[in-house]
Amino acid sequence: MTEKADKKRIYLVDVTNRDGVQTSRLSLAKMEKTMLNFYLNKLGVAYSEFGFPTTKHETNYLNGNLMLAKKGLLSPIKLSGWMRAIKSDVEEGKRLVPDLEYANLSISTSPQMIAHKFTGKGYTIDNIISQMTQAVDRAYELGFKEIGVNAEDASRTPLKDLIEFSKQAKKHGAVRFRYCDTLGFETPFRIYKRVLKIAKEVGIDIELHCHNDLGLAVANSVAGAAGAIDGGVNAYINVTVNGIGERAGNADLVSVILALRYGAEIGTGISSSINSEIEFHDSSKDNEKYAPDDRIKLKYAWRLATYAAEAFRVPIPVNTPGVGSNMFAHESGIHADGVLKNPHNYELYSFEDIGRGKPDVTHTGRIITVGEYGGLAGFKHVYDELGIHFNNDNDARKVLEISRYVNVTTQKPLTADELRFIFHNPEEVSYIIGVTPELGKNS
């Protein structure tokens, strides 16, 4: 095997459609979850943990997105489910979502959670490992293509237990071990050392799932990924769009990409949009060791972040790296003078790199929107403005009806990208937004 072929990489696993949507007081409609998958694929994210296979109101959405994957629209991104590491969950998930090929199975591993979540069962770490391996075995028996295992509360789990847990997972065919800093307890120095040790002793690819309770989610994720690479395995950083996640959130997708691309002794590239005649150091010559996935296209970051902010109804803070409104704003005399002379004086990367800079047109006069009570004339007018024309009124009515139902679930005027998506994928969208409750049954 050549050195290039054996090169380890840092990949991104977006968990917005799983961890983000389970955040208290926040939610997304199934169409909005689908659009996030669409944007994540454009951006080059390796995996989207796109939902819960055992949760019945997710069934049509999950199966519909897998249809879109087969169609080539959601590809090459891999759509992965999250389930508890319980055989019955694996069986139910596969029954409800039969074409699901990728999944992560999760179970608590810390003494705190073993004693105080599995109350009255007298479990030890050995019981936990046994339950996990049985679930992994069952998943492969049912035809899953790739299984990862999650150690919930890994940061409060003794290192020796994590090593044994991941060794047994690998022995039973798991391809990745997810190190979950469930409470945001980790620090960059400690997670690097612990992940390095696991990587060297087990030789399994490692995911970093970090929460932001101490404001260290991005730093911990990058440090943990460096530990994995230094230990000789691939790293998979779990991220969410705009850092949306439980409590203080998760590692922010854009911030992680920026750190991997531009961070000192980590970054693998420089801003491509700054005046090429200006000499400055290209860190990519020094730090190819920590290279992120080649498929990442940062230029889609702005489009994704702003869509998610509208969908979640959570505005992007002005000081958010890359996508905040103050990111490229300068007022101080010294700063304004410096950035006008050479943007690299006060900007680490360019707004063009993020996909910003295009005019943001706001209509202040007459505007026609598409919603649940819209009619055919206004609907066709909106599509005409998008450069999309229907063959006849009957075709338009079919798409209008689907758009109305989508609006019922989102309760927002449909965006231009949503309207284009519906036009090109009417059958799949109609299926995705459908929900049929199984009344009187467990869900």
Protein backbone atom coordinates (compact mmCIF):
# COMPACT_ATOMS: atom_id res chain seq x y z
CA MET A 1 0.00 0.00 0.00
CA THR A 2 1.40 3.40 -0.93
CA GLU A 3 1.85 6.18 1.59
CA LYS A 4 -0.82 8.26 -0.15
CA ALA A 5 -3.32 5.39 -0.12
CA ASP A 6 -2.71 4.85 3.59
CA LYS A 7 -3.11 8.52 4.47
CA LYS A 8 -5.59 9.08 7.29
CA ARG A 9 -8.22 11.77 6.98
CA ILE A 10 -10.63 13.79 9.05
CA TYR A 11 -14.24 13.33 7.94
CA LEU A 12 -17.43 15.07 9.06
CA VAL A 13 -20.55 13.38 10.42
CA ASP A 14 -23.40 15.87 10.73
CA VAL A 15 -25.86 15.00 13.50
CA THR A 16 -28.22 17.99 13.20
CA ASN A 17 -31.11 15.78 12.10
CA ARG A 18 -30.65 13.61 15.18
CA ASP A 19 -28.96 15.50 18.02
CA GLY A 20 -30.02 18.94 16.81
CA VAL A 21 -33.72 18.17 16.49
CA GLN A 22 -33.94 16.50 19.89
CA THR A 23 -32.96 19.80 21.50
CA SER A 24 -35.56 21.14 23.89
CA ARG A 25 -37.96 23.66 22.28
CA LEU A 26 -36.48 23.24 18.80
CA SER A 27 -37.73 21.14 15.90
CA LEU A 28 -37.72 20.77 12.13
CA ALA A 29 -40.40 19.63 9.71
CA LYS A 30 -39.53 16.55 7.65
CA MET A 31 -39.13 18.71 4.54
CA GLU A 32 -36.65 20.90 6.40
CA LYS A 33 -34.69 17.86 7.57
CA THR A 34 -34.59 16.71 3.95
CA MET A 35 -33.32 20.09 2.78
CA LEU A 36 -30.56 19.96 5.38
CA ASN A 37 -29.47 16.61 3.95
CA PHE A 38 -29.53 18.20 0.49
CA TYR A 39 -27.29 21.07 1.59
CA LEU A 40 -24.98 18.81 3.61
CA ASN A 41 -24.43 16.69 0.51
CA LYS A 42 -23.58 19.81 -1.49
CA LEU A 43 -21.08 20.87 1.18
CA GLY A 44 -19.34 17.48 1.05
CA VAL A 45 -20.15 16.08 4.49
CA ALA A 46 -19.40 12.34 4.61
CA TYR A 47 -22.39 11.22 6.72
CA SER A 48 -25.69 12.65 7.88
CA GLU A 49 -27.07 10.97 10.98
CA PHE A 50 -30.49 11.66 9.59
CA GLY A 51 -32.83 10.36 12.25
CA PHE A 52 -34.24 7.61 14.47
CA PRO A 53 -35.27 4.42 12.60
CA THR A 54 -37.39 3.15 15.50
CA THR A 55 -39.40 6.37 15.79
CA LYS A 56 -42.51 5.86 13.70
CA HIS A 57 -43.18 9.47 12.74
CA GLU A 58 -39.74 9.41 11.11
CA THR A 59 -40.45 6.34 8.98
CA ASN A 60 -41.69 8.02 5.79
CA TYR A 61 -39.05 10.71 6.02
CA LEU A 62 -36.24 8.16 6.44
CA ASN A 63 -37.46 5.88 3.67
CA GLY A 64 -38.13 8.85 1.40
CA ASN A 65 -34.62 10.21 1.87
CA LEU A 66 -33.19 6.78 1.07
CA MET A 67 -35.26 6.89 -2.14
CA LEU A 68 -33.63 10.22 -2.96
CA ALA A 69 -30.23 8.66 -2.27
CA LYS A 70 -30.95 5.85 -4.73
CA LYS A 71 -32.09 8.48 -7.21
CA GLY A 72 -28.64 10.09 -6.87
CA LEU A 73 -29.87 13.35 -5.36
CA LEU A 74 -28.57 12.57 -1.85
CA SER A 75 -25.27 11.04 -2.91
CA PRO A 76 -22.40 10.49 -2.15
CA ILE A 77 -23.38 11.46 1.40
CA LYS A 78 -24.20 8.40 3.52
CA LEU A 79 -27.46 8.49 5.47
CA SER A 80 -27.04 6.85 8.85
CA GLY A 81 -29.53 6.03 11.61
CA TRP A 82 -29.12 6.21 15.39
CA MET A 83 -30.43 3.43 17.62
CA ARG A 84 -29.87 2.12 21.10
CA ALA A 85 -27.48 -0.83 21.25
CA ILE A 86 -30.34 -3.23 21.87
CA LYS A 87 -31.14 -6.16 19.60
CA SER A 88 -34.86 -5.38 19.58
CA ASP A 89 -34.18 -1.78 18.50
CA VAL A 90 -31.98 -2.99 15.65
CA GLU A 91 -34.70 -5.40 14.53
CA GLU A 92 -37.45 -2.76 14.72
CA GLY A 93 -35.32 -0.19 12.93
CA LYS A 94 -34.62 -2.56 10.06
CA ARG A 95 -38.30 -3.54 9.87
CA LEU A 96 -39.42 0.06 9.55
CA VAL A 97 -36.54 1.23 7.33
CA PRO A 98 -35.54 -1.89 5.38
CA ASP A 99 -33.10 -0.16 3.00
CA LEU A 100 -31.08 1.42 5.82
CA GLU A 101 -27.44 0.34 5.48
CA TYR A 102 -25.58 2.57 7.95
CA ALA A 103 -26.23 2.99 11.67
CA ASN A 104 -24.62 3.86 14.98
CA LEU A 105 -25.62 1.90 18.07
CA SER A 106 -25.37 3.74 21.37
CA ILE A 107 -25.07 2.65 25.00
CA SER A 108 -23.89 4.30 28.22
CA THR A 109 -20.46 3.27 29.52
CA SER A 110 -19.61 5.50 32.49
CA PRO A 111 -19.92 4.29 36.10
CA GLN A 112 -22.31 7.19 36.73
CA MET A 113 -24.71 6.15 34.00
CA ILE A 114 -24.36 2.39 34.47
CA ALA A 115 -25.33 2.79 38.12
CA HIS A 116 -27.94 5.52 37.76
CA LYS A 117 -29.57 4.91 34.35
CA PHE A 118 -29.75 1.11 34.45
CA THR A 119 -31.10 1.23 37.99
CA GLY A 120 -31.88 -2.05 39.69
CA LYS A 121 -30.19 -4.19 37.03
CA GLY A 122 -26.81 -4.51 38.68
CA TYR A 123 -25.00 -3.96 35.39
CA THR A 124 -21.22 -3.77 35.06
CA ILE A 125 -19.16 -2.66 32.08
CA ASP A 126 -19.04 -6.34 31.04
CA ASN A 127 -22.84 -6.39 30.74
CA ILE A 128 -22.71 -3.22 28.68
CA ILE A 129 -20.11 -4.65 26.31
CA SER A 130 -22.09 -7.89 25.95
CA GLN A 131 -25.29 -6.02 25.09
CA MET A 132 -23.44 -3.86 22.56
CA THR A 133 -21.78 -6.79 20.78
CA GLN A 134 -25.07 -8.69 20.56
CA ALA A 135 -26.68 -5.68 18.93
CA VAL A 136 -23.78 -5.32 16.46
CA ASP A 137 -23.99 -9.01 15.56
CA ARG A 138 -27.73 -8.75 15.01
CA ALA A 139 -27.32 -5.69 12.78
CA TYR A 140 -24.96 -7.50 10.45
CA GLU A 141 -27.21 -10.57 10.44
CA LEU A 142 -30.02 -8.32 9.22
CA GLY A 143 -27.93 -6.95 6.37
CA PHE A 144 -26.56 -3.66 7.61
CA LYS A 145 -23.50 -2.64 5.61
CA GLU A 146 -21.69 -0.59 8.23
CA ILE A 147 -22.12 -0.25 12.00
CA GLY A 148 -20.49 2.18 14.39
CA VAL A 149 -20.75 2.01 18.17
CA ASN A 150 -21.20 4.89 20.60
CA ALA A 151 -19.89 5.04 24.15
CA GLU A 152 -22.26 7.52 25.77
CA ASP A 153 -20.48 9.54 28.46
CA ALA A 154 -17.09 8.26 27.26
CA SER A 155 -15.34 11.25 28.83
CA ARG A 156 -16.41 10.05 32.30
CA THR A 157 -15.63 6.41 31.54
CA PRO A 158 -12.31 4.83 32.69
CA LEU A 159 -9.93 4.60 29.75
CA LYS A 160 -9.39 0.88 30.25
CA ASP A 161 -13.13 0.29 29.87
CA LEU A 162 -13.25 2.31 26.65
CA ILE A 163 -10.35 0.33 25.23
CA GLU A 164 -12.05 -2.98 26.02
CA PHE A 165 -15.39 -1.68 24.71
CA SER A 166 -13.88 -0.60 21.39
CA LYS A 167 -11.76 -3.77 21.08
CA GLN A 168 -14.84 -5.94 21.39
CA ALA A 169 -16.77 -3.68 19.01
CA LYS A 170 -14.04 -4.05 16.40
CA LYS A 171 -13.89 -7.81 16.96
CA HIS A 172 -17.59 -8.04 16.15
CA GLY A 173 -17.26 -5.96 12.99
CA ALA A 174 -17.92 -2.37 14.07
CA VAL A 175 -16.05 0.04 11.79
CA ARG A 176 -15.97 3.08 14.09
CA PHE A 177 -15.96 3.90 17.79
CA ARG A 178 -17.72 7.11 18.83
CA TYR A 179 -16.15 8.89 21.78
CA CYS A 180 -19.09 10.82 23.26
CA ASP A 181 -18.31 13.79 25.46
CA THR A 182 -21.96 13.78 26.42
CA LEU A 183 -21.74 16.45 29.13
CA GLY A 184 -19.10 18.63 27.50
CA PHE A 185 -16.71 17.61 30.28
CA GLU A 186 -13.56 17.20 28.18
CA THR A 187 -10.62 19.52 27.61
CA PRO A 188 -8.46 19.54 24.47
CA PHE A 189 -5.34 18.22 26.20
CA ARG A 190 -7.09 15.31 27.87
CA ILE A 191 -9.21 14.19 24.90
CA TYR A 192 -6.14 14.18 22.66
CA LYS A 193 -4.29 11.83 25.02
CA ARG A 194 -7.24 9.50 25.58
CA VAL A 195 -8.15 9.22 21.91
CA LEU A 196 -4.50 8.71 20.97
CA LYS A 197 -4.30 5.81 23.43
CA ILE A 198 -7.47 4.15 22.10
CA ALA A 199 -6.35 4.58 18.50
CA LYS A 200 -2.96 3.03 19.12
CA GLU A 201 -4.21 0.11 21.21
CA VAL A 202 -7.33 -0.77 19.20
CA GLY A 203 -6.74 0.46 15.66
CA ILE A 204 -10.36 1.42 15.01
CA ASP A 205 -11.50 4.64 13.34
CA ILE A 206 -12.73 7.11 15.95
CA GLU A 207 -15.61 9.58 16.00
CA LEU A 208 -15.53 12.66 18.22
CA HIS A 209 -18.92 13.71 19.56
CA CYS A 210 -18.43 16.81 21.71
CA HIS A 211 -20.92 19.03 23.50
CA ASN A 212 -20.33 22.68 24.31
CA ASP A 213 -21.16 22.95 28.03
CA LEU A 214 -17.71 24.48 28.72
CA GLY A 215 -17.45 26.25 25.37
CA LEU A 216 -14.86 23.75 24.15
CA ALA A 217 -16.78 21.59 21.67
CA VAL A 218 -14.87 22.72 18.58
CA ALA A 219 -11.49 22.72 20.32
CA ASN A 220 -12.11 19.27 21.79
CA SER A 221 -13.27 17.90 18.45
CA VAL A 222 -10.20 19.12 16.61
CA ALA A 223 -7.85 17.95 19.39
CA GLY A 224 -9.52 14.56 19.51
CA ALA A 225 -9.28 14.23 15.74
CA ALA A 226 -5.56 15.01 15.92
CA GLY A 227 -5.21 12.26 18.53
CA ALA A 228 -6.91 9.79 16.20
CA ILE A 229 -4.72 10.74 13.23
CA ASP A 230 -1.56 10.59 15.36
CA GLY A 231 -2.70 7.16 16.53
CA GLY A 232 -2.92 5.94 12.94
CA VAL A 233 -6.68 5.88 12.33
CA ASN A 234 -9.23 8.04 10.53
CA ALA A 235 -11.13 10.65 12.53
CA TYR A 236 -14.82 11.49 12.15
CA ILE A 237 -15.91 14.72 13.80
CA ASN A 238 -19.58 14.97 14.75
CA VAL A 239 -20.97 18.43 14.01
CA THR A 240 -24.28 20.26 13.84
CA VAL A 241 -25.30 23.22 11.70
CA ASN A 242 -24.87 26.43 13.71
CA GLY A 243 -23.91 24.29 16.72
CA ILE A 244 -27.58 23.47 17.42
CA GLY A 245 -27.79 20.72 20.03
CA GLU A 246 -28.84 19.82 23.53
CA ARG A 247 -28.13 22.30 26.31
CA ALA A 248 -25.20 24.47 25.10
CA GLY A 249 -25.07 22.71 21.76
CA ASN A 250 -22.58 20.65 19.76
CA ALA A 251 -19.47 21.39 17.72
CA ASP A 252 -20.46 23.88 15.02
CA LEU A 253 -20.05 22.55 11.49
CA VAL A 254 -18.62 25.72 9.93
CA SER A 255 -16.30 26.44 12.87
CA VAL A 256 -14.84 22.93 12.65
CA ILE A 257 -14.21 23.25 8.92
CA LEU A 258 -12.58 26.65 9.42
CA ALA A 259 -10.35 25.27 12.18
CA LEU A 260 -9.27 22.34 10.03
CA ARG A 261 -8.60 24.58 7.06
CA TYR A 262 -7.06 27.67 8.62
CA GLY A 263 -5.98 26.80 12.19
CA ALA A 264 -2.30 27.10 13.10
CA GLU A 265 -0.51 23.72 12.86
CA ILE A 266 -3.83 22.10 11.94
CA GLY A 267 -5.08 24.03 8.92
CA THR A 268 -4.51 22.64 5.47
CA GLY A 269 -5.24 25.67 3.36
CA ILE A 270 -5.40 29.44 3.08
CA SER A 271 -7.99 31.83 1.82
CA SER A 272 -8.19 31.49 -1.94
CA SER A 273 -9.78 34.87 -2.47
CA ILE A 274 -7.20 37.24 -1.01
CA ASN A 275 -4.93 39.11 -3.44
CA SER A 276 -2.60 36.43 -4.82
CA GLU A 277 0.27 38.92 -5.11
CA ILE A 278 0.48 39.20 -1.32
CA GLU A 279 2.97 36.80 0.23
CA PHE A 280 1.81 34.85 3.25
CA HIS A 281 2.49 31.43 4.70
CA ASP A 282 0.66 28.44 3.21
CA SER A 283 0.09 26.10 6.15
CA SER A 284 -0.95 23.29 3.83
CA LYS A 285 2.71 22.61 3.10
CA ASP A 286 3.31 21.88 6.78
CA ASN A 287 0.15 20.17 7.97
CA GLU A 288 -1.07 17.71 5.35
CA LYS A 289 -1.12 15.15 8.16
CA TYR A 290 -4.40 16.54 9.49
CA ALA A 291 -6.10 16.91 6.12
CA PRO A 292 -9.90 17.05 6.07
CA ASP A 293 -12.04 15.25 3.53
CA ASP A 294 -11.25 16.46 0.00
CA ARG A 295 -14.98 16.69 -0.77
CA ILE A 296 -15.61 19.60 1.61
CA LYS A 297 -16.82 22.67 -0.30
CA LEU A 298 -16.85 25.55 2.18
CA LYS A 299 -18.56 27.82 -0.35
CA TYR A 300 -21.91 26.21 0.57
CA ALA A 301 -21.53 27.11 4.26
CA TRP A 302 -23.44 30.39 4.13
CA ARG A 303 -26.38 28.90 2.27
CA LEU A 304 -26.64 25.99 4.71
CA ALA A 305 -26.23 28.07 7.88
CA THR A 306 -28.80 30.69 6.90
CA TYR A 307 -31.34 28.05 5.88
CA ALA A 308 -30.93 26.22 9.19
CA ALA A 309 -31.30 29.47 11.14
CA GLU A 310 -34.64 30.14 9.43
CA ALA A 311 -35.82 26.55 9.76
CA PHE A 312 -35.02 26.31 13.48
CA ARG A 313 -36.13 29.92 14.04
CA VAL A 314 -32.84 30.53 15.85
CA PRO A 315 -30.94 33.58 14.51
CA ILE A 316 -27.20 33.23 13.94
CA PRO A 317 -25.32 35.20 16.65
CA VAL A 318 -23.49 38.18 15.14
CA ASN A 319 -20.09 36.89 16.30
CA THR A 320 -20.41 33.35 14.91
CA PRO A 321 -17.24 32.29 13.04
CA GLY A 322 -17.62 32.55 9.30
CA VAL A 323 -21.37 33.19 9.12
CA GLY A 324 -22.08 35.83 11.79
CA SER A 325 -23.09 39.29 10.55
CA ASN A 326 -20.09 40.92 12.25
CA MET A 327 -17.57 38.41 10.86
CA PHE A 328 -16.40 40.75 8.09
CA ALA A 329 -17.59 44.06 9.58
CA HIS A 330 -14.99 46.70 10.59
CA GLU A 331 -15.51 50.04 12.31
CA SER A 332 -12.38 50.86 14.33
CA GLY A 333 -10.18 53.30 12.42
CA ILE A 334 -7.07 51.16 12.66
CA HIS A 335 -8.90 48.01 11.62
CA ALA A 336 -10.79 49.66 8.74
CA ASP A 337 -7.60 51.22 7.41
CA GLY A 338 -5.73 47.94 7.67
CA VAL A 339 -8.37 45.76 6.04
CA LEU A 340 -8.78 48.19 3.14
CA LYS A 341 -5.03 48.08 2.49
CA ASN A 342 -4.90 44.29 2.67
CA PRO A 343 -7.76 42.12 3.95
CA HIS A 344 -5.29 39.69 5.52
CA ASN A 345 -4.36 42.34 8.05
CA TYR A 346 -7.59 41.67 9.95
CA GLU A 347 -9.34 38.79 8.18
CA LEU A 348 -8.01 35.24 8.49
CA TYR A 349 -10.10 34.08 5.52
CA SER A 350 -12.29 35.72 2.92
CA PHE A 351 -16.05 36.04 2.92
CA GLU A 352 -16.05 34.55 -0.59
CA ASP A 353 -14.59 31.35 0.88
CA ILE A 354 -17.77 30.94 2.97
CA GLY A 355 -20.07 31.60 0.02
CA ARG A 356 -20.89 35.13 1.12
CA GLY A 357 -20.73 38.34 -0.89
CA LYS A 358 -23.65 37.93 -3.27
CA PRO A 359 -26.34 40.64 -3.05
CA ASP A 360 -29.09 39.79 -0.57
CA VAL A 361 -32.19 41.22 -2.25
CA THR A 362 -35.08 42.15 0.02
CA HIS A 363 -38.36 43.03 -1.68
CA THR A 364 -39.96 46.11 -0.19
CA GLY A 365 -42.88 46.30 -2.60
CA ARG A 366 -45.36 43.70 -3.81
CA ILE A 367 -44.43 40.08 -3.04
CA ILE A 368 -46.23 36.80 -3.70
CA THR A 369 -45.45 33.84 -1.42
CA VAL A 370 -46.36 30.17 -1.53
CA GLY A 371 -48.29 28.80 1.44
CA GLU A 372 -51.05 26.45 2.49
CA TYR A 373 -53.83 28.74 1.24
CA GLY A 374 -52.19 29.84 -2.00
CA GLY A 375 -53.90 29.66 -5.38
CA LEU A 376 -52.81 28.66 -8.86
CA ALA A 377 -52.16 32.12 -10.31
CA GLY A 378 -49.87 33.26 -7.53
CA PHE A 379 -48.19 29.86 -7.44
CA LYS A 380 -47.35 29.92 -11.16
CA HIS A 381 -46.11 33.49 -10.83
CA VAL A 382 -43.62 32.48 -8.12
CA TYR A 383 -42.33 29.60 -10.22
CA ASP A 384 -42.09 31.86 -13.29
CA GLU A 385 -39.78 34.12 -11.28
CA LEU A 386 -37.61 31.07 -10.56
CA GLY A 387 -37.40 30.35 -14.27
CA ILE A 388 -39.55 27.21 -13.95
CA HIS A 389 -42.59 26.81 -16.18
CA PHE A 390 -45.28 24.14 -16.09
CA ASN A 391 -46.47 22.34 -19.21
CA ASN A 392 -50.10 22.87 -18.23
CA ASP A 393 -52.33 23.87 -15.32
CA ASN A 394 -52.91 20.27 -14.30
CA ASP A 395 -49.18 19.73 -13.69
CA ALA A 396 -49.07 23.00 -11.76
CA ARG A 397 -52.00 21.98 -9.55
CA LYS A 398 -50.27 18.73 -8.57
CA VAL A 399 -47.16 20.58 -7.40
CA LEU A 400 -49.28 23.29 -5.76
CA GLU A 401 -51.12 20.68 -3.68
CA ILE A 402 -47.86 19.14 -2.47
CA SER A 403 -46.47 22.61 -1.70
CA ARG A 404 -49.54 23.42 0.39
CA TYR A 405 -49.04 20.31 2.49
CA VAL A 406 -45.34 21.11 2.92
CA ASN A 407 -46.31 24.55 4.17
CA VAL A 408 -48.73 23.01 6.66
CA THR A 409 -45.75 21.21 8.23
CA THR A 410 -43.17 24.04 8.06
CA GLN A 411 -45.54 26.95 8.81
CA LYS A 412 -43.23 29.25 6.83
CA PRO A 413 -43.37 30.58 3.27
CA LEU A 414 -41.51 28.09 1.09
CA THR A 415 -38.00 29.09 0.05
CA ALA A 416 -36.78 29.16 -3.53
CA ASP A 417 -34.68 26.05 -2.96
CA GLU A 418 -37.62 24.21 -1.39
CA LEU A 419 -39.83 25.10 -4.35
CA ARG A 420 -37.20 23.86 -6.80
CA PHE A 421 -36.79 20.68 -4.77
CA ILE A 422 -40.54 19.99 -4.76
CA PHE A 423 -40.81 20.63 -8.50
CA HIS A 424 -38.08 18.11 -9.34
CA ASN A 425 -39.05 15.50 -6.70
CA PRO A 426 -42.83 15.68 -6.22
CA GLU A 427 -43.45 11.97 -5.51
CA GLU A 428 -40.65 11.69 -2.96
CA VAL A 429 -41.65 14.91 -1.19
CA SER A 430 -45.29 13.80 -1.03
CA TYR A 431 -44.17 10.57 0.60
CA ILE A 432 -41.71 12.22 3.01
CA ILE A 433 -44.25 14.59 4.54
CA GLY A 434 -46.85 11.88 5.05
CA VAL A 435 -47.45 10.62 8.59
CA THR A 436 -49.87 7.86 9.59
CA PRO A 437 -50.03 7.42 13.38
CA GLU A 438 -50.29 3.85 14.67
CA LEU A 439 -52.83 4.62 17.35
CA GLY A 440 -52.83 2.39 20.36
CA LYS A 441 -49.36 1.02 19.57
CA ASN A 442 -45.96 1.80 21.00
CA SER A 443 -44.12 4.53 19.12
